[in-house]
Amino acid sequence: MRAGGRLPRDQAEIVLSDVFVDQLELLAPGDRLAVLAAVVGLCQNPGGKHALSARGHRALVGLNTLEILGGTQRVVFRVDVVGASITVLCLGPRRDSEVYSIAAGLVATGVLTSDEVTQLWDALGLLEVVAERVGLDGWDYRPPPAPEGLRRTAAAAGVVPLEVGALLSLDELQAALEAGWTETGPDPDAALRAALARARGGVAFDSAAVLAGRRADRCDAVLPRAQVRCIRRAGHPGPHRAR
């Protein structure tokens, strides 16, 4: 990917090598956020700093680099324009081209199989990073719905209306059933708050706005690595989401 190149609709599936995720865990929290924000920004600027050449490491041909943390570190990544995907290999010191040696080693040993990469959104959970902290809207997705039988049970009990239950995941609907009661009977408002808090614990939200977003059309783009369709809303900016 040359500097100035673009991805279709500035969207991509972003996957991180397990090595990169491990490296992120070693960073200070503020640096971790800065690196993740820079990676998210690759959807709008997939060329990064520059493309790499065969000089030094032939295995680096077809990869790009991104300067981070005030230019002291670099991230090495691969862009697939046709598949609209970005695979982040590693980060490392800029000095002595150390990061390029790490990247070349990863490519040479073939560690970038589907079993050894992590979806960006999964990585946020592993690293306990709230999506909004890195410039993402963590609410604009629709999770796989809970089983129909459980949705009907919740509706019959008066805890969650059937139409709303269709917008909740299994974990969310279970949380609603656990919390949606008072001494006098079902409490649908408390049930919905509990359901959405299960999805995004500790993050402020407007229940009506979240449900409106989940009713919107889905992006539905096929994610080449995950082999599923994107569950974010249609027209979303930046990274696709598998689940």
Protein backbone atom coordinates (compact mmCIF):
# COMPACT_ATOMS: atom_id res chain seq x y z
CA MET A 1 0.00 0.00 0.00
CA ARG A 2 1.52 3.29 -1.14
CA ALA A 3 1.21 6.51 0.84
CA GLY A 4 -2.08 8.22 0.03
CA GLY A 5 -3.82 4.98 -0.91
CA ARG A 6 -7.34 4.32 0.33
CA LEU A 7 -9.45 1.36 1.35
CA PRO A 8 -13.05 0.95 0.12
CA ARG A 9 -15.24 3.31 2.20
CA ASP A 10 -12.29 3.70 4.62
CA GLN A 11 -13.34 0.43 6.26
CA ALA A 12 -11.35 -2.72 7.02
CA GLU A 13 -11.24 -5.85 9.11
CA ILE A 14 -8.33 -5.31 11.51
CA VAL A 15 -6.57 -8.30 13.05
CA LEU A 16 -3.62 -8.22 15.42
CA SER A 17 -0.98 -10.91 15.68
CA ASP A 18 -0.81 -12.56 19.08
CA VAL A 19 2.75 -11.22 19.30
CA PHE A 20 1.46 -7.66 18.85
CA VAL A 21 -1.22 -8.16 21.54
CA ASP A 22 1.45 -9.45 23.93
CA GLN A 23 3.59 -6.40 23.15
CA LEU A 24 0.67 -4.08 23.88
CA GLU A 25 0.22 -5.66 27.30
CA LEU A 26 3.75 -4.62 28.20
CA LEU A 27 3.11 -0.93 27.45
CA ALA A 28 2.00 1.68 29.95
CA PRO A 29 -1.80 2.23 29.73
CA GLY A 30 -1.47 5.63 28.05
CA ASP A 31 0.97 4.32 25.45
CA ARG A 32 -1.28 1.32 24.82
CA LEU A 33 -4.20 3.62 24.06
CA ALA A 34 -2.06 5.77 21.75
CA VAL A 35 -0.89 2.73 19.77
CA LEU A 36 -4.39 1.30 19.44
CA ALA A 37 -5.75 4.68 18.32
CA ALA A 38 -3.02 4.83 15.67
CA VAL A 39 -3.94 1.34 14.47
CA VAL A 40 -7.63 2.27 14.25
CA GLY A 41 -6.56 5.30 12.20
CA LEU A 42 -5.06 3.02 9.55
CA CYS A 43 -8.54 2.59 8.09
CA GLN A 44 -8.37 6.22 6.96
CA ASN A 45 -4.62 6.19 6.22
CA PRO A 46 -3.65 2.60 5.29
CA GLY A 47 -0.34 3.68 3.80
CA GLY A 48 1.03 4.56 7.23
CA LYS A 49 4.47 6.15 7.17
CA HIS A 50 5.74 4.28 4.09
CA ALA A 51 5.85 0.92 2.34
CA LEU A 52 8.80 -1.37 3.05
CA SER A 53 11.20 -2.65 0.40
CA ALA A 54 13.50 -5.63 -0.03
CA ARG A 55 16.46 -3.73 1.37
CA GLY A 56 17.64 -5.57 4.46
CA HIS A 57 14.79 -8.12 4.62
CA ARG A 58 13.15 -9.51 1.48
CA ALA A 59 10.35 -10.84 3.69
CA LEU A 60 9.26 -7.23 4.33
CA VAL A 61 8.15 -6.62 0.73
CA GLY A 62 4.44 -5.81 0.75
CA LEU A 63 4.41 -4.55 4.33
CA ASN A 64 3.98 -1.02 5.62
CA THR A 65 5.22 0.80 8.69
CA LEU A 66 3.66 3.33 11.05
CA GLU A 67 5.56 5.59 13.43
CA ILE A 68 4.12 5.78 16.95
CA LEU A 69 4.90 7.17 20.39
CA GLY A 70 6.66 10.26 19.16
CA GLY A 71 8.59 8.38 16.50
CA THR A 72 10.43 6.18 18.99
CA GLN A 73 8.58 3.03 17.95
CA ARG A 74 7.20 1.57 14.73
CA VAL A 75 4.32 -0.74 13.93
CA VAL A 76 4.62 -3.10 10.95
CA PHE A 77 1.43 -4.16 9.17
CA ARG A 78 0.07 -5.63 5.95
CA VAL A 79 -2.85 -4.22 3.93
CA ASP A 80 -5.07 -6.27 1.63
CA VAL A 81 -7.01 -3.75 -0.45
CA VAL A 82 -9.10 -6.35 -2.29
CA GLY A 83 -10.11 -8.09 0.93
CA ALA A 84 -10.30 -4.80 2.85
CA SER A 85 -8.22 -6.11 5.73
CA ILE A 86 -5.27 -4.92 7.81
CA THR A 87 -3.03 -7.39 9.65
CA VAL A 88 -0.80 -5.84 12.32
CA LEU A 89 2.35 -7.91 12.85
CA CYS A 90 4.35 -6.27 15.60
CA LEU A 91 5.76 -3.11 17.14
CA GLY A 92 9.29 -2.37 18.18
CA PRO A 93 12.03 0.24 18.58
CA ARG A 94 12.85 2.40 15.62
CA ARG A 95 16.58 2.28 16.40
CA ASP A 96 18.71 -0.15 14.42
CA SER A 97 15.61 -1.29 12.49
CA GLU A 98 14.89 -3.68 15.36
CA VAL A 99 11.19 -3.87 14.59
CA TYR A 100 11.89 -5.00 11.03
CA SER A 101 13.87 -7.96 12.29
CA ILE A 102 10.89 -8.95 14.46
CA ALA A 103 8.49 -8.60 11.50
CA ALA A 104 10.72 -10.58 9.16
CA GLY A 105 10.94 -13.35 11.72
CA LEU A 106 7.16 -13.51 12.05
CA VAL A 107 6.67 -13.74 8.30
CA ALA A 108 9.43 -16.31 7.86
CA THR A 109 8.04 -18.62 10.54
CA GLY A 110 4.48 -18.40 9.19
CA VAL A 111 2.87 -17.43 12.48
CA LEU A 112 0.14 -15.32 10.91
CA THR A 113 -2.46 -18.04 10.51
CA SER A 114 -6.06 -17.47 11.53
CA ASP A 115 -5.31 -19.28 14.79
CA GLU A 116 -2.63 -16.77 15.70
CA VAL A 117 -4.38 -13.47 15.11
CA THR A 118 -6.92 -11.64 17.26
CA GLN A 119 -9.77 -9.45 16.03
CA LEU A 120 -9.29 -5.82 17.05
CA TRP A 121 -12.54 -5.78 19.02
CA ASP A 122 -11.59 -8.93 20.91
CA ALA A 123 -8.22 -7.39 21.71
CA LEU A 124 -9.92 -4.36 23.28
CA GLY A 125 -11.65 -6.72 25.69
CA LEU A 126 -8.45 -8.63 26.45
CA LEU A 127 -6.62 -5.39 27.16
CA GLU A 128 -9.57 -3.86 29.09
CA VAL A 129 -9.75 -0.87 26.76
CA VAL A 130 -13.07 0.89 26.22
CA ALA A 131 -13.74 1.31 22.49
CA GLU A 132 -14.44 5.03 22.76
CA ARG A 133 -10.99 5.61 24.22
CA VAL A 134 -9.43 4.71 20.88
CA GLY A 135 -11.90 6.58 18.68
CA LEU A 136 -14.51 3.86 18.11
CA ASP A 137 -18.23 3.75 18.73
CA GLY A 138 -18.64 0.63 20.78
CA TRP A 139 -22.43 0.74 20.65
CA ASP A 140 -23.12 0.64 16.91
CA TYR A 141 -23.33 -3.14 16.60
CA ARG A 142 -26.08 -5.73 16.74
CA PRO A 143 -25.02 -8.94 18.51
CA PRO A 144 -26.31 -12.39 17.53
CA PRO A 145 -29.74 -12.66 19.18
CA ALA A 146 -30.55 -14.87 22.13
CA PRO A 147 -32.43 -18.12 21.37
CA GLU A 148 -36.05 -17.58 20.41
CA GLY A 149 -37.33 -19.67 23.31
CA LEU A 150 -35.58 -17.46 25.84
CA ARG A 151 -36.86 -14.31 24.13
CA ARG A 152 -40.42 -15.62 24.32
CA THR A 153 -39.96 -16.55 27.97
CA ALA A 154 -38.77 -13.04 28.80
CA ALA A 155 -41.67 -11.49 26.90
CA ALA A 156 -44.26 -13.76 28.52
CA ALA A 157 -42.88 -12.83 31.94
CA GLY A 158 -43.24 -9.12 31.12
CA VAL A 159 -39.52 -8.46 31.58
CA VAL A 160 -38.42 -7.70 27.99
CA PRO A 161 -40.81 -7.11 25.05
CA LEU A 162 -40.33 -9.60 22.22
CA GLU A 163 -39.14 -6.94 19.75
CA VAL A 164 -36.54 -5.64 22.21
CA GLY A 165 -35.42 -9.17 23.08
CA ALA A 166 -34.55 -9.73 19.42
CA LEU A 167 -31.93 -6.96 19.75
CA LEU A 168 -30.20 -8.50 22.78
CA SER A 169 -27.54 -11.18 22.97
CA LEU A 170 -27.84 -14.29 25.11
CA ASP A 171 -25.71 -12.77 27.90
CA GLU A 172 -27.68 -9.53 27.80
CA LEU A 173 -31.06 -11.24 27.95
CA GLN A 174 -29.93 -13.43 30.83
CA ALA A 175 -28.83 -10.30 32.71
CA ALA A 176 -32.24 -8.75 32.04
CA LEU A 177 -34.02 -11.80 33.43
CA GLU A 178 -31.85 -11.75 36.55
CA ALA A 179 -32.27 -8.05 37.30
CA GLY A 180 -35.67 -7.18 35.87
CA TRP A 181 -37.80 -7.74 38.96
CA THR A 182 -39.15 -5.84 41.95
CA GLU A 183 -41.17 -7.02 44.90
CA THR A 184 -44.33 -6.21 42.96
CA GLY A 185 -43.38 -7.86 39.66
CA PRO A 186 -41.39 -7.35 36.46
CA ASP A 187 -39.46 -4.10 35.88
CA PRO A 188 -38.71 -3.75 32.11
CA ASP A 189 -36.67 -0.55 32.57
CA ALA A 190 -34.36 -2.15 35.13
CA ALA A 191 -34.12 -5.24 32.94
CA LEU A 192 -32.97 -3.23 29.91
CA ARG A 193 -30.44 -1.25 31.93
CA ALA A 194 -28.99 -4.48 33.30
CA ALA A 195 -28.84 -6.03 29.84
CA LEU A 196 -26.92 -3.16 28.28
CA ALA A 197 -24.68 -2.76 31.31
CA ARG A 198 -23.66 -6.40 30.78
CA ALA A 199 -22.54 -5.46 27.28
CA ARG A 200 -20.63 -2.33 28.26
CA GLY A 201 -20.12 -2.39 32.00
CA GLY A 202 -19.16 0.98 33.45
CA VAL A 203 -19.82 2.99 30.27
CA ALA A 204 -22.62 5.58 30.28
CA PHE A 205 -25.37 4.94 27.73
CA ASP A 206 -28.82 6.02 26.60
CA SER A 207 -30.96 2.87 26.32
CA ALA A 208 -33.28 4.34 23.69
CA ALA A 209 -30.36 5.47 21.54
CA VAL A 210 -28.66 2.08 21.79
CA LEU A 211 -31.81 0.25 20.70
CA ALA A 212 -32.34 2.71 17.83
CA GLY A 213 -28.81 2.01 16.64
CA ARG A 214 -29.34 -1.73 16.80
CA ARG A 215 -32.51 -1.43 14.71
CA ALA A 216 -30.57 0.32 11.92
CA ASP A 217 -29.41 -1.59 8.85
CA ARG A 218 -26.20 -3.58 9.26
CA CYS A 219 -22.94 -3.09 7.38
CA ASP A 220 -22.99 -6.80 6.44
CA ALA A 221 -19.57 -6.72 4.74
CA VAL A 222 -17.85 -10.11 4.68
CA LEU A 223 -14.77 -10.22 6.92
CA PRO A 224 -12.16 -12.33 5.10
CA ARG A 225 -10.35 -13.54 8.23
CA ALA A 226 -13.33 -14.19 10.48
CA GLN A 227 -15.51 -15.47 7.61
CA VAL A 228 -18.57 -13.73 9.05
CA ARG A 229 -20.41 -10.51 8.21
CA CYS A 230 -19.82 -7.21 9.97
CA ILE A 231 -22.36 -6.54 12.73
CA ARG A 232 -21.80 -2.76 12.93
CA ARG A 233 -24.35 -0.37 11.50
CA ALA A 234 -24.31 0.42 7.79
CA GLY A 235 -21.93 3.22 6.88
CA HIS A 236 -19.87 2.93 10.06
CA PRO A 237 -16.40 4.50 10.04
CA GLY A 238 -13.25 2.45 10.44
CA PRO A 239 -12.87 -1.16 11.58
CA HIS A 240 -15.44 -3.84 10.82
CA ARG A 241 -16.61 -5.97 13.73
CA ALA A 242 -17.09 -9.72 13.82
CA ARG A 243 -18.94 -10.01 17.15
